[in-house]
Amino acid sequence: MIRRPSPNSDERRLAIDMIVLHYTGMRSASAAIERLCDPRSKVSAHYVIDEEGRVVALIEESRRAWHAGVASWHGETDINSCSIGIELANPGHEFGYRAFAEPQMRALERLALDVMKRHDISAARVLGHSDVAPERKIDPGELFDWQRLAVRGIGLWPDRSETTTDQRPLDEGDHDAVAFVQAQLQQGGYGIEVDGHYGSQTRAVVTAFQRHFRPSRIDGRCDTETLICLEAWLRRFLDA
């Protein structure tokens, strides 16, 4: 592990119980590290993993890094205080988004398992930036292999075979049905208002859910497959 201390941190006010994964969204890992260490940027993360699998430690885990921004999960809005932020070097959607390299994924698995063990973090509390900030962020994105991590006990992955409900696509004009889906997403942790209205917030949260758990089609619509995934995911979450 390479150490490159960043000045961009402060005191935590919460116990660590979450990992938040990001992509850097910059042209190179070195450029991302420079920005995360620049006091003018006011952003940081605990770790950066480059595409060759090198891990760079920027912030001590005992300190609060500035990686999540305006975010929430299960009603907690100071995600920086309760989480470890891990950045994966990847150009992101702006600069040529691509699949995450095998050495990078192996290094992430080792690091995430170590962090989870140190802080007794449950699989259900390993999330993407887009999960905790669905109206602002889309990383680590649809090419990130969440299913692979879940096999190692890092994060959750819905098993659709566990659901037997005959789901039909959600009628966005059915306020009771919309409110039910909103309540499911909220119960799982997403920051969403239960108001029965399929507006921009609900569409953003459904899109974030699809990006994580149904990446084959990301359109913000609650089709049958999305609803089955949501039911299966919530079942896994409640059992975690």
Protein backbone atom coordinates (compact mmCIF):
# COMPACT_ATOMS: atom_id res chain seq x y z
CA MET A 1 0.00 0.00 0.00
CA ILE A 2 1.25 3.46 -0.96
CA ARG A 3 0.62 6.34 1.44
CA ARG A 4 -0.06 9.82 0.07
CA PRO A 5 -1.58 11.87 2.91
CA SER A 6 -4.31 14.35 1.96
CA PRO A 7 -5.10 17.39 4.12
CA ASN A 8 -8.79 17.12 3.26
CA SER A 9 -10.33 15.50 6.33
CA ASP A 10 -11.86 16.31 9.69
CA GLU A 11 -13.25 14.63 12.81
CA ARG A 12 -15.89 11.92 12.58
CA ARG A 13 -19.08 12.20 14.60
CA LEU A 14 -20.38 8.69 13.88
CA ALA A 15 -19.05 5.15 14.08
CA ILE A 16 -17.90 3.60 10.81
CA ASP A 17 -20.53 1.21 9.46
CA MET A 18 -20.48 1.69 5.68
CA ILE A 19 -18.27 1.56 2.59
CA VAL A 20 -19.07 3.85 -0.34
CA LEU A 21 -17.53 3.02 -3.72
CA HIS A 22 -16.82 5.63 -6.40
CA TYR A 23 -15.09 6.02 -9.69
CA THR A 24 -12.67 8.91 -10.04
CA GLY A 25 -14.15 10.22 -13.29
CA MET A 26 -10.80 11.67 -14.36
CA ARG A 27 -8.40 10.89 -17.19
CA SER A 28 -5.79 9.23 -14.96
CA ALA A 29 -5.30 7.92 -11.45
CA SER A 30 -2.48 10.38 -10.85
CA ALA A 31 -4.70 13.33 -11.77
CA ALA A 32 -7.39 12.05 -9.42
CA ILE A 33 -4.92 11.65 -6.56
CA GLU A 34 -3.60 15.17 -7.09
CA ARG A 35 -7.14 16.55 -6.88
CA LEU A 36 -7.99 14.49 -3.79
CA CYS A 37 -4.86 15.88 -2.11
CA ASP A 38 -5.41 19.50 -3.18
CA PRO A 39 -6.83 21.54 -0.27
CA ARG A 40 -8.56 23.81 -2.76
CA SER A 41 -10.70 20.94 -4.08
CA LYS A 42 -12.30 20.19 -0.69
CA VAL A 43 -12.74 16.54 -1.70
CA SER A 44 -10.94 13.38 -0.62
CA ALA A 45 -11.31 9.65 -0.06
CA HIS A 46 -9.67 7.15 2.20
CA TYR A 47 -8.29 5.06 -0.65
CA VAL A 48 -7.70 5.15 -4.40
CA ILE A 49 -7.17 1.94 -6.37
CA ASP A 50 -5.57 2.35 -9.79
CA GLU A 51 -6.18 0.06 -12.75
CA GLU A 52 -3.04 -1.95 -12.01
CA GLY A 53 -4.37 -2.75 -8.54
CA ARG A 54 -2.14 -0.38 -6.57
CA VAL A 55 -3.83 0.95 -3.44
CA VAL A 56 -3.06 4.50 -2.37
CA ALA A 57 -4.07 5.48 1.18
CA LEU A 58 -4.93 9.17 1.47
CA ILE A 59 -6.83 9.54 4.76
CA GLU A 60 -6.57 7.57 7.98
CA GLU A 61 -9.72 5.51 8.52
CA SER A 62 -10.26 7.20 11.89
CA ARG A 63 -10.75 10.52 10.06
CA ARG A 64 -13.75 11.76 8.07
CA ALA A 65 -12.95 11.99 4.35
CA TRP A 66 -14.96 14.25 2.06
CA HIS A 67 -16.20 11.89 -0.64
CA ALA A 68 -19.99 11.52 -0.39
CA GLY A 69 -21.17 15.14 -0.41
CA VAL A 70 -24.91 15.70 -0.11
CA ALA A 71 -26.11 12.15 0.47
CA SER A 72 -28.28 9.97 2.67
CA TRP A 73 -28.99 6.36 3.57
CA HIS A 74 -31.65 5.21 6.02
CA GLY A 75 -32.19 8.82 6.99
CA GLU A 76 -28.56 9.51 7.90
CA THR A 77 -27.25 12.51 5.97
CA ASP A 78 -23.65 12.67 7.24
CA ILE A 79 -22.51 9.75 5.13
CA ASN A 80 -18.91 10.97 5.29
CA SER A 81 -18.92 10.47 9.07
CA CYS A 82 -20.07 6.85 8.99
CA SER A 83 -18.29 5.58 5.88
CA ILE A 84 -15.01 4.62 4.30
CA GLY A 85 -14.69 6.09 0.80
CA ILE A 86 -12.91 4.05 -1.88
CA GLU A 87 -12.22 5.59 -5.29
CA LEU A 88 -11.58 3.35 -8.30
CA ALA A 89 -9.54 4.94 -11.06
CA ASN A 90 -11.79 5.01 -14.13
CA PRO A 91 -12.37 7.81 -16.67
CA GLY A 92 -16.09 7.66 -15.96
CA HIS A 93 -18.90 8.56 -18.30
CA GLU A 94 -17.35 11.91 -19.23
CA PHE A 95 -13.95 10.66 -20.40
CA GLY A 96 -14.56 7.16 -21.80
CA TYR A 97 -16.19 4.92 -19.23
CA ARG A 98 -14.90 1.36 -19.34
CA ALA A 99 -15.05 -1.90 -17.45
CA PHE A 100 -13.01 -2.07 -14.26
CA ALA A 101 -9.70 -3.88 -14.64
CA GLU A 102 -9.20 -7.33 -13.14
CA PRO A 103 -6.20 -6.31 -10.94
CA GLN A 104 -8.25 -3.38 -9.68
CA MET A 105 -11.19 -5.60 -8.77
CA ARG A 106 -8.96 -8.10 -6.97
CA ALA A 107 -7.34 -5.30 -4.97
CA LEU A 108 -10.77 -3.91 -4.12
CA GLU A 109 -11.96 -7.29 -2.86
CA ARG A 110 -8.97 -7.57 -0.53
CA LEU A 111 -9.27 -4.02 0.74
CA ALA A 112 -13.06 -4.11 1.20
CA LEU A 113 -12.94 -7.39 3.13
CA ASP A 114 -10.23 -5.98 5.40
CA VAL A 115 -12.24 -2.80 6.03
CA MET A 116 -15.43 -4.77 6.66
CA LYS A 117 -13.65 -6.98 9.18
CA ARG A 118 -11.99 -4.07 10.99
CA HIS A 119 -15.24 -2.15 11.42
CA ASP A 120 -17.79 -4.97 11.47
CA ILE A 121 -19.53 -3.63 8.36
CA SER A 122 -22.38 -5.74 7.01
CA ALA A 123 -22.66 -6.68 3.35
CA ALA A 124 -25.82 -4.58 3.12
CA ARG A 125 -23.81 -1.45 3.93
CA VAL A 126 -21.46 -1.63 0.94
CA LEU A 127 -22.93 0.85 -1.52
CA GLY A 128 -22.23 3.00 -4.53
CA HIS A 129 -22.09 6.78 -4.64
CA SER A 130 -25.17 6.67 -6.84
CA ASP A 131 -27.08 4.79 -4.12
CA VAL A 132 -26.50 7.44 -1.46
CA ALA A 133 -26.78 10.40 -3.86
CA PRO A 134 -29.12 9.20 -6.64
CA GLU A 135 -30.16 12.66 -7.78
CA ARG A 136 -26.55 13.79 -8.24
CA LYS A 137 -24.25 10.86 -8.95
CA ILE A 138 -24.03 7.84 -11.26
CA ASP A 139 -20.79 6.21 -10.11
CA PRO A 140 -19.36 3.61 -9.98
CA GLY A 141 -21.83 2.95 -12.79
CA GLU A 142 -23.42 0.12 -14.71
CA LEU A 143 -20.12 -1.55 -15.70
CA PHE A 144 -19.13 -2.13 -12.11
CA ASP A 145 -19.46 -5.82 -11.19
CA TRP A 146 -21.56 -5.74 -8.02
CA GLN A 147 -22.59 -9.36 -8.48
CA ARG A 148 -18.97 -10.49 -8.34
CA LEU A 149 -18.41 -8.63 -5.08
CA ALA A 150 -21.58 -10.06 -3.55
CA VAL A 151 -20.29 -13.59 -4.16
CA ARG A 152 -17.36 -12.66 -1.90
CA GLY A 153 -19.71 -11.27 0.76
CA ILE A 154 -19.15 -7.63 -0.25
CA GLY A 155 -22.52 -6.02 -0.87
CA LEU A 156 -25.83 -7.69 -1.66
CA TRP A 157 -27.15 -9.08 -4.93
CA PRO A 158 -30.81 -10.01 -5.48
CA ASP A 159 -31.58 -13.63 -6.32
CA ARG A 160 -34.61 -13.39 -8.57
CA SER A 161 -35.35 -17.09 -8.09
CA GLU A 162 -36.36 -16.25 -4.53
CA THR A 163 -39.39 -14.27 -5.76
CA THR A 164 -42.58 -15.91 -6.91
CA THR A 165 -44.77 -12.83 -7.18
CA ASP A 166 -46.32 -12.26 -10.59
CA GLN A 167 -45.26 -8.65 -11.04
CA ARG A 168 -46.72 -6.36 -13.65
CA PRO A 169 -45.08 -3.11 -14.82
CA LEU A 170 -45.89 -0.24 -12.49
CA ASP A 171 -48.63 2.11 -13.65
CA GLU A 172 -47.06 5.47 -12.80
CA GLY A 173 -50.54 6.97 -12.43
CA ASP A 174 -51.53 4.47 -9.73
CA HIS A 175 -50.65 6.49 -6.64
CA ASP A 176 -51.10 3.61 -4.20
CA ALA A 177 -48.83 1.33 -6.23
CA VAL A 178 -46.23 4.10 -6.60
CA ALA A 179 -46.32 4.76 -2.86
CA PHE A 180 -45.78 1.04 -2.20
CA VAL A 181 -42.66 0.97 -4.41
CA GLN A 182 -41.39 4.18 -2.82
CA ALA A 183 -41.87 2.62 0.63
CA GLN A 184 -39.90 -0.47 -0.46
CA LEU A 185 -37.01 1.67 -1.69
CA GLN A 186 -37.09 3.73 1.49
CA GLN A 187 -37.15 0.63 3.66
CA GLY A 188 -34.04 -0.60 1.88
CA GLY A 189 -32.26 2.68 2.60
CA TYR A 190 -32.75 5.02 -0.36
CA GLY A 191 -33.55 8.64 0.38
CA ILE A 192 -36.99 8.93 -1.18
CA GLU A 193 -40.25 10.54 -0.16
CA VAL A 194 -43.33 8.31 -0.04
CA ASP A 195 -45.93 10.52 -1.71
CA GLY A 196 -47.45 8.34 -4.46
CA HIS A 197 -46.12 10.69 -7.15
CA TYR A 198 -43.76 9.28 -9.79
CA GLY A 199 -41.74 12.45 -10.14
CA SER A 200 -38.10 13.27 -10.77
CA GLN A 201 -36.91 12.05 -7.37
CA THR A 202 -38.56 8.65 -7.74
CA ARG A 203 -37.26 8.29 -11.28
CA ALA A 204 -33.74 9.14 -10.10
CA VAL A 205 -33.88 6.59 -7.27
CA VAL A 206 -35.28 3.85 -9.53
CA THR A 207 -32.52 4.65 -12.04
CA ALA A 208 -29.89 4.33 -9.28
CA PHE A 209 -31.40 1.04 -8.19
CA GLN A 210 -31.27 -0.27 -11.76
CA ARG A 211 -27.71 0.95 -12.25
CA HIS A 212 -26.67 -1.14 -9.24
CA PHE A 213 -28.97 -4.18 -9.38
CA ARG A 214 -30.34 -4.36 -12.98
CA PRO A 215 -27.67 -2.72 -15.16
CA SER A 216 -28.82 -4.31 -18.41
CA ARG A 217 -31.41 -1.53 -18.85
CA ILE A 218 -31.36 1.78 -17.00
CA ASP A 219 -34.41 3.87 -17.80
CA GLY A 220 -36.00 4.84 -14.47
CA ARG A 221 -39.15 2.83 -15.21
CA CYS A 222 -40.50 0.14 -12.90
CA ASP A 223 -40.92 -2.67 -15.38
CA THR A 224 -41.56 -6.26 -14.31
CA GLU A 225 -37.87 -7.15 -14.04
CA THR A 226 -37.09 -4.09 -11.91
CA LEU A 227 -39.95 -4.88 -9.53
CA ILE A 228 -38.81 -8.50 -9.19
CA CYS A 229 -35.25 -7.30 -8.48
CA LEU A 230 -36.56 -4.84 -5.91
CA GLU A 231 -38.54 -7.53 -4.10
CA ALA A 232 -35.58 -9.94 -4.13
CA TRP A 233 -33.13 -7.24 -3.00
CA LEU A 234 -35.33 -6.13 -0.14
CA ARG A 235 -35.71 -9.73 0.99
CA ARG A 236 -31.92 -10.12 1.02
CA PHE A 237 -31.56 -6.80 2.85
CA LEU A 238 -34.01 -7.76 5.57
CA ASP A 239 -32.24 -11.09 6.05
CA ALA A 240 -28.77 -9.48 6.20
